[in-house]
Amino acid sequence: MFEYIKGTLIDKDPSKAVVETHGIGYRLKIPLSTYTKLPPSQAPVELYLSHIVREDDEALYAFASKEERDLFELITTVSGIGPKTGLAIIGHIDGAVFQRAIANSDVRLLSKLPGIGKKTAERLIIEMRDKFKSFGKPNKISPSDLHLGDDLLSDALSALINLGYAPAEAQKAVSAAIETNQEEKDLGRLITFALRNI
């Protein structure tokens, strides 16, 4: 129904944004990843929308990119995954890392996301694997990621998350470590480099 909204950002917090366009203020539910990319208040903004209507609720969900919005809509087709959990997933893990975790059946990494337990992570893997075939291949985290094995990347992310770092923070640290140490194959050293970026 709605594709995107362009307007002025009036207000924002980690779970919502208010965008005014043509005299109407739209309250939009957003993931944490979108909140970190929003401009200051009173600045122009463009967000991609997903309109979800339920028996007891109707809401507009907004995302910084079309890819995030499309992934959110795909995730919410999984049985037992509603918009709230979908937002938590999008807000706490990069889309490429999420696709890689699904492809590698990384229950450990997925179960660290808010609202996702072991059983839900297993269901996500089973149902999303087929859905991703039509969704497209995961984007690379960085060009240097081509030199790194998926298992090494996944293990480094899992290690940082198990140390108590948020998935989004762990992703940024591992991506920076990969960028500066493209040929690194040792998990321990990669984690050490990543910790220096936190």
C-alpha atoms as a PDB file:
ATOM      1  CA  MET A   1       0.000   0.000   0.000  1.00  0.00           C
ATOM      2  CA  PHE A   2       2.744   2.488   1.024  1.00  0.00           C
ATOM      3  CA  GLU A   3       6.241   2.423  -0.504  1.00  0.00           C
ATOM      4  CA  TYR A   4       8.131   5.295   1.152  1.00  0.00           C
ATOM      5  CA  ILE A   5       7.696   8.628   2.906  1.00  0.00           C
ATOM      6  CA  LYS A   6       9.616  11.867   2.371  1.00  0.00           C
ATOM      7  CA  GLY A   7       9.236  14.692   4.830  1.00  0.00           C
ATOM      8  CA  THR A   8      10.661  16.427   7.887  1.00  0.00           C
ATOM      9  CA  LEU A   9      11.790  14.446  10.901  1.00  0.00           C
ATOM     10  CA  ILE A  10       9.918  15.963  13.860  1.00  0.00           C
ATOM     11  CA  ASP A  11      10.781  13.543  16.666  1.00  0.00           C
ATOM     12  CA  LYS A  12      12.675  10.286  17.150  1.00  0.00           C
ATOM     13  CA  ASP A  13      13.539   7.715  19.778  1.00  0.00           C
ATOM     14  CA  PRO A  14      14.981   4.181  19.450  1.00  0.00           C
ATOM     15  CA  SER A  15      11.558   2.660  18.710  1.00  0.00           C
ATOM     16  CA  LYS A  16       9.719   5.343  16.726  1.00  0.00           C
ATOM     17  CA  ALA A  17      10.050   8.334  14.442  1.00  0.00           C
ATOM     18  CA  VAL A  18       7.554  11.086  13.637  1.00  0.00           C
ATOM     19  CA  VAL A  19       7.747  12.396  10.080  1.00  0.00           C
ATOM     20  CA  GLU A  20       5.672  15.346   8.886  1.00  0.00           C
ATOM     21  CA  THR A  21       4.692  15.613   5.256  1.00  0.00           C
ATOM     22  CA  HIS A  22       2.072  18.023   3.833  1.00  0.00           C
ATOM     23  CA  GLY A  23       0.901  18.996   7.317  1.00  0.00           C
ATOM     24  CA  ILE A  24       0.328  15.426   8.553  1.00  0.00           C
ATOM     25  CA  GLY A  25       2.578  13.815  11.179  1.00  0.00           C
ATOM     26  CA  TYR A  26       3.119  10.073  10.727  1.00  0.00           C
ATOM     27  CA  ARG A  27       4.168   7.994  13.721  1.00  0.00           C
ATOM     28  CA  LEU A  28       6.413   5.225  12.419  1.00  0.00           C
ATOM     29  CA  LYS A  29       7.756   2.200  14.282  1.00  0.00           C
ATOM     30  CA  ILE A  30      11.450   1.731  13.513  1.00  0.00           C
ATOM     31  CA  PRO A  31      14.259  -0.738  14.284  1.00  0.00           C
ATOM     32  CA  LEU A  32      17.323   0.358  16.227  1.00  0.00           C
ATOM     33  CA  SER A  33      19.433   0.200  13.055  1.00  0.00           C
ATOM     34  CA  THR A  34      17.227   2.857  11.411  1.00  0.00           C
ATOM     35  CA  TYR A  35      17.286   5.066  14.514  1.00  0.00           C
ATOM     36  CA  THR A  36      21.094   5.240  14.366  1.00  0.00           C
ATOM     37  CA  LYS A  37      20.901   6.455  10.742  1.00  0.00           C
ATOM     38  CA  LEU A  38      18.267   9.163  11.244  1.00  0.00           C
ATOM     39  CA  PRO A  39      19.263  12.809  10.754  1.00  0.00           C
ATOM     40  CA  PRO A  40      18.756  15.432  13.487  1.00  0.00           C
ATOM     41  CA  SER A  41      15.239  16.717  14.175  1.00  0.00           C
ATOM     42  CA  GLN A  42      13.791  19.176  11.634  1.00  0.00           C
ATOM     43  CA  ALA A  43      15.968  17.690   8.863  1.00  0.00           C
ATOM     44  CA  PRO A  44      14.545  16.134   5.679  1.00  0.00           C
ATOM     45  CA  VAL A  45      14.260  12.348   5.749  1.00  0.00           C
ATOM     46  CA  GLU A  46      13.186   9.515   3.453  1.00  0.00           C
ATOM     47  CA  LEU A  47      12.156   6.126   4.843  1.00  0.00           C
ATOM     48  CA  TYR A  48      10.790   2.929   3.285  1.00  0.00           C
ATOM     49  CA  LEU A  49       7.484   1.736   4.706  1.00  0.00           C
ATOM     50  CA  SER A  50       5.708  -1.483   5.543  1.00  0.00           C
ATOM     51  CA  HIS A  51       2.017  -1.182   6.448  1.00  0.00           C
ATOM     52  CA  ILE A  52       0.819  -4.012   8.681  1.00  0.00           C
ATOM     53  CA  VAL A  53      -2.821  -4.464   9.645  1.00  0.00           C
ATOM     54  CA  ARG A  54      -3.787  -6.938  12.353  1.00  0.00           C
ATOM     55  CA  GLU A  55      -7.088  -7.646  14.092  1.00  0.00           C
ATOM     56  CA  ASP A  56      -6.197  -5.421  17.017  1.00  0.00           C
ATOM     57  CA  ASP A  57      -3.527  -3.148  15.535  1.00  0.00           C
ATOM     58  CA  GLU A  58      -2.565  -1.126  12.485  1.00  0.00           C
ATOM     59  CA  ALA A  59       0.906   0.375  12.157  1.00  0.00           C
ATOM     60  CA  LEU A  60       3.454   1.798   9.754  1.00  0.00           C
ATOM     61  CA  TYR A  61       6.967   0.386  10.060  1.00  0.00           C
ATOM     62  CA  ALA A  62       9.813   2.438   8.589  1.00  0.00           C
ATOM     63  CA  PHE A  63      13.326   1.512   7.495  1.00  0.00           C
ATOM     64  CA  ALA A  64      16.423   3.358   6.316  1.00  0.00           C
ATOM     65  CA  SER A  65      16.743   1.151   3.225  1.00  0.00           C
ATOM     66  CA  LYS A  66      14.499  -0.796   0.881  1.00  0.00           C
ATOM     67  CA  GLU A  67      16.561  -3.939   1.581  1.00  0.00           C
ATOM     68  CA  GLU A  68      15.878  -3.711   5.337  1.00  0.00           C
ATOM     69  CA  ARG A  69      12.165  -3.218   4.666  1.00  0.00           C
ATOM     70  CA  ASP A  70      12.023  -6.193   2.282  1.00  0.00           C
ATOM     71  CA  LEU A  71      13.900  -8.398   4.760  1.00  0.00           C
ATOM     72  CA  PHE A  72      11.501  -7.344   7.555  1.00  0.00           C
ATOM     73  CA  GLU A  73       8.512  -8.306   5.408  1.00  0.00           C
ATOM     74  CA  LEU A  74      10.131 -11.662   4.610  1.00  0.00           C
ATOM     75  CA  ILE A  75      10.962 -12.389   8.263  1.00  0.00           C
ATOM     76  CA  THR A  76       7.397 -11.634   9.396  1.00  0.00           C
ATOM     77  CA  THR A  77       6.061 -14.362   7.075  1.00  0.00           C
ATOM     78  CA  VAL A  78       7.686 -16.968   9.351  1.00  0.00           C
ATOM     79  CA  SER A  79       5.137 -18.605  11.638  1.00  0.00           C
ATOM     80  CA  GLY A  80       5.363 -17.206  15.163  1.00  0.00           C
ATOM     81  CA  ILE A  81       7.393 -14.132  14.130  1.00  0.00           C
ATOM     82  CA  GLY A  82       5.411 -10.923  14.450  1.00  0.00           C
ATOM     83  CA  PRO A  83       6.358  -7.340  13.599  1.00  0.00           C
ATOM     84  CA  LYS A  84       7.851  -6.690  17.065  1.00  0.00           C
ATOM     85  CA  THR A  85      10.277  -9.619  16.764  1.00  0.00           C
ATOM     86  CA  GLY A  86      10.941  -8.741  13.123  1.00  0.00           C
ATOM     87  CA  LEU A  87      11.956  -5.211  14.157  1.00  0.00           C
ATOM     88  CA  ALA A  88      14.234  -6.607  16.869  1.00  0.00           C
ATOM     89  CA  ILE A  89      15.985  -8.867  14.352  1.00  0.00           C
ATOM     90  CA  ILE A  90      16.447  -6.091  11.775  1.00  0.00           C
ATOM     91  CA  GLY A  91      17.608  -3.668  14.473  1.00  0.00           C
ATOM     92  CA  HIS A  92      20.236  -5.948  15.985  1.00  0.00           C
ATOM     93  CA  ILE A  93      21.853  -7.817  13.100  1.00  0.00           C
ATOM     94  CA  ASP A  94      23.036  -6.791   9.654  1.00  0.00           C
ATOM     95  CA  GLY A  95      21.027  -8.338   6.811  1.00  0.00           C
ATOM     96  CA  ALA A  96      24.062 -10.048   5.261  1.00  0.00           C
ATOM     97  CA  VAL A  97      25.093 -11.527   8.622  1.00  0.00           C
ATOM     98  CA  PHE A  98      21.514 -12.713   9.210  1.00  0.00           C
ATOM     99  CA  GLN A  99      21.397 -14.426   5.803  1.00  0.00           C
ATOM    100  CA  ARG A 100      24.774 -16.031   6.461  1.00  0.00           C
ATOM    101  CA  ALA A 101      23.608 -17.253   9.893  1.00  0.00           C
ATOM    102  CA  ILE A 102      20.549 -18.839   8.237  1.00  0.00           C
ATOM    103  CA  ALA A 103      22.694 -20.441   5.503  1.00  0.00           C
ATOM    104  CA  ASN A 104      25.143 -21.821   8.104  1.00  0.00           C
ATOM    105  CA  SER A 105      22.377 -22.953  10.515  1.00  0.00           C
ATOM    106  CA  ASP A 106      23.976 -20.811  13.242  1.00  0.00           C
ATOM    107  CA  VAL A 107      21.429 -21.357  16.017  1.00  0.00           C
ATOM    108  CA  ARG A 108      23.875 -19.970  18.590  1.00  0.00           C
ATOM    109  CA  LEU A 109      24.137 -16.561  16.903  1.00  0.00           C
ATOM    110  CA  LEU A 110      20.419 -16.262  16.114  1.00  0.00           C
ATOM    111  CA  SER A 111      19.349 -17.208  19.639  1.00  0.00           C
ATOM    112  CA  LYS A 112      21.334 -14.228  20.990  1.00  0.00           C
ATOM    113  CA  LEU A 113      18.930 -11.822  19.249  1.00  0.00           C
ATOM    114  CA  PRO A 114      16.192 -10.204  21.398  1.00  0.00           C
ATOM    115  CA  GLY A 115      13.019 -12.292  21.456  1.00  0.00           C
ATOM    116  CA  ILE A 116      14.652 -15.302  19.768  1.00  0.00           C
ATOM    117  CA  GLY A 117      15.154 -18.501  21.721  1.00  0.00           C
ATOM    118  CA  LYS A 118      16.675 -21.761  20.494  1.00  0.00           C
ATOM    119  CA  LYS A 119      13.395 -23.172  19.115  1.00  0.00           C
ATOM    120  CA  THR A 120      12.534 -19.935  17.316  1.00  0.00           C
ATOM    121  CA  ALA A 121      16.058 -19.777  15.868  1.00  0.00           C
ATOM    122  CA  GLU A 122      15.671 -23.330  14.541  1.00  0.00           C
ATOM    123  CA  ARG A 123      12.285 -22.459  13.011  1.00  0.00           C
ATOM    124  CA  LEU A 124      13.777 -19.331  11.428  1.00  0.00           C
ATOM    125  CA  ILE A 125      16.551 -21.402   9.847  1.00  0.00           C
ATOM    126  CA  ILE A 126      14.157 -23.993   8.437  1.00  0.00           C
ATOM    127  CA  GLU A 127      11.615 -21.515   7.058  1.00  0.00           C
ATOM    128  CA  MET A 128      13.981 -18.744   5.945  1.00  0.00           C
ATOM    129  CA  ARG A 129      16.351 -21.006   4.039  1.00  0.00           C
ATOM    130  CA  ASP A 130      13.757 -21.590   1.294  1.00  0.00           C
ATOM    131  CA  LYS A 131      12.554 -17.984   1.355  1.00  0.00           C
ATOM    132  CA  PHE A 132      16.105 -16.668   0.806  1.00  0.00           C
ATOM    133  CA  LYS A 133      16.391 -18.647  -2.438  1.00  0.00           C
ATOM    134  CA  SER A 134      13.995 -16.176  -4.047  1.00  0.00           C
ATOM    135  CA  PHE A 135      15.180 -13.188  -1.977  1.00  0.00           C
ATOM    136  CA  GLY A 136      18.674 -13.079  -3.454  1.00  0.00           C
ATOM    137  CA  LYS A 137      22.198 -13.668  -2.265  1.00  0.00           C
ATOM    138  CA  PRO A 138      23.457 -11.918   0.875  1.00  0.00           C
ATOM    139  CA  ASN A 139      25.316  -8.673   0.384  1.00  0.00           C
ATOM    140  CA  LYS A 140      28.909  -8.652   1.482  1.00  0.00           C
ATOM    141  CA  ILE A 141      29.731  -7.030   4.799  1.00  0.00           C
ATOM    142  CA  SER A 142      32.822  -5.557   3.222  1.00  0.00           C
ATOM    143  CA  PRO A 143      34.901  -6.205   0.118  1.00  0.00           C
ATOM    144  CA  SER A 144      37.509  -7.970   2.225  1.00  0.00           C
ATOM    145  CA  ASP A 145      34.862 -10.450   3.389  1.00  0.00           C
ATOM    146  CA  LEU A 146      35.529 -12.329   0.154  1.00  0.00           C
ATOM    147  CA  HIS A 147      38.843 -13.477   1.659  1.00  0.00           C
ATOM    148  CA  LEU A 148      37.270 -14.782   4.850  1.00  0.00           C
ATOM    149  CA  GLY A 149      35.534 -18.115   5.417  1.00  0.00           C
ATOM    150  CA  ASP A 150      31.918 -17.979   6.557  1.00  0.00           C
ATOM    151  CA  ASP A 151      32.711 -20.213   9.557  1.00  0.00           C
ATOM    152  CA  LEU A 152      35.497 -17.898  10.742  1.00  0.00           C
ATOM    153  CA  LEU A 153      33.241 -14.830  10.423  1.00  0.00           C
ATOM    154  CA  SER A 154      30.373 -16.566  12.196  1.00  0.00           C
ATOM    155  CA  ASP A 155      32.639 -17.858  14.993  1.00  0.00           C
ATOM    156  CA  ALA A 156      34.128 -14.386  15.556  1.00  0.00           C
ATOM    157  CA  LEU A 157      30.646 -12.831  15.760  1.00  0.00           C
ATOM    158  CA  SER A 158      29.416 -15.556  18.108  1.00  0.00           C
ATOM    159  CA  ALA A 159      32.459 -15.124  20.352  1.00  0.00           C
ATOM    160  CA  LEU A 160      31.898 -11.382  20.775  1.00  0.00           C
ATOM    161  CA  ILE A 161      28.179 -11.875  21.385  1.00  0.00           C
ATOM    162  CA  ASN A 162      28.964 -14.554  23.996  1.00  0.00           C
ATOM    163  CA  LEU A 163      31.298 -12.056  25.659  1.00  0.00           C
ATOM    164  CA  GLY A 164      28.243  -9.833  26.158  1.00  0.00           C
ATOM    165  CA  TYR A 165      28.522  -7.414  23.235  1.00  0.00           C
ATOM    166  CA  ALA A 166      25.363  -6.491  21.315  1.00  0.00           C
ATOM    167  CA  PRO A 167      25.067  -8.179  17.892  1.00  0.00           C
ATOM    168  CA  ALA A 168      25.200  -4.837  16.047  1.00  0.00           C
ATOM    169  CA  GLU A 169      28.302  -3.769  18.008  1.00  0.00           C
ATOM    170  CA  ALA A 170      29.942  -7.152  17.373  1.00  0.00           C
ATOM    171  CA  GLN A 171      29.239  -6.897  13.627  1.00  0.00           C
ATOM    172  CA  LYS A 172      30.842  -3.454  13.362  1.00  0.00           C
ATOM    173  CA  ALA A 173      33.913  -4.602  15.292  1.00  0.00           C
ATOM    174  CA  VAL A 174      34.368  -7.774  13.222  1.00  0.00           C
ATOM    175  CA  SER A 175      33.815  -5.863   9.955  1.00  0.00           C
ATOM    176  CA  ALA A 176      36.474  -3.312  10.957  1.00  0.00           C
ATOM    177  CA  ALA A 177      38.871  -6.121  11.953  1.00  0.00           C
ATOM    178  CA  ILE A 178      38.327  -7.840   8.607  1.00  0.00           C
ATOM    179  CA  GLU A 179      38.845  -4.581   6.722  1.00  0.00           C
ATOM    180  CA  THR A 180      42.254  -3.957   8.310  1.00  0.00           C
ATOM    181  CA  ASN A 181      43.402  -7.617   8.438  1.00  0.00           C
ATOM    182  CA  GLN A 182      42.144  -9.080   5.166  1.00  0.00           C
ATOM    183  CA  GLU A 183      44.311 -12.191   5.170  1.00  0.00           C
ATOM    184  CA  GLU A 184      43.814 -13.133   8.840  1.00  0.00           C
ATOM    185  CA  LYS A 185      42.772 -16.797   9.208  1.00  0.00           C
ATOM    186  CA  ASP A 186      43.305 -17.279  12.962  1.00  0.00           C
ATOM    187  CA  LEU A 187      40.093 -16.919  14.981  1.00  0.00           C
ATOM    188  CA  GLY A 188      41.866 -15.806  18.177  1.00  0.00           C
ATOM    189  CA  ARG A 189      43.759 -13.013  16.437  1.00  0.00           C
ATOM    190  CA  LEU A 190      40.655 -11.905  14.524  1.00  0.00           C
ATOM    191  CA  ILE A 191      38.718 -11.639  17.812  1.00  0.00           C
ATOM    192  CA  THR A 192      41.608  -9.673  19.359  1.00  0.00           C
ATOM    193  CA  PHE A 193      41.591  -7.230  16.424  1.00  0.00           C
ATOM    194  CA  ALA A 194      37.791  -6.934  16.693  1.00  0.00           C
ATOM    195  CA  LEU A 195      37.973  -6.176  20.437  1.00  0.00           C
ATOM    196  CA  ARG A 196      40.324  -3.288  19.682  1.00  0.00           C
ATOM    197  CA  ASN A 197      37.546  -1.735  17.574  1.00  0.00           C
ATOM    198  CA  ILE A 198      35.005  -1.705  20.404  1.00  0.00           C
END
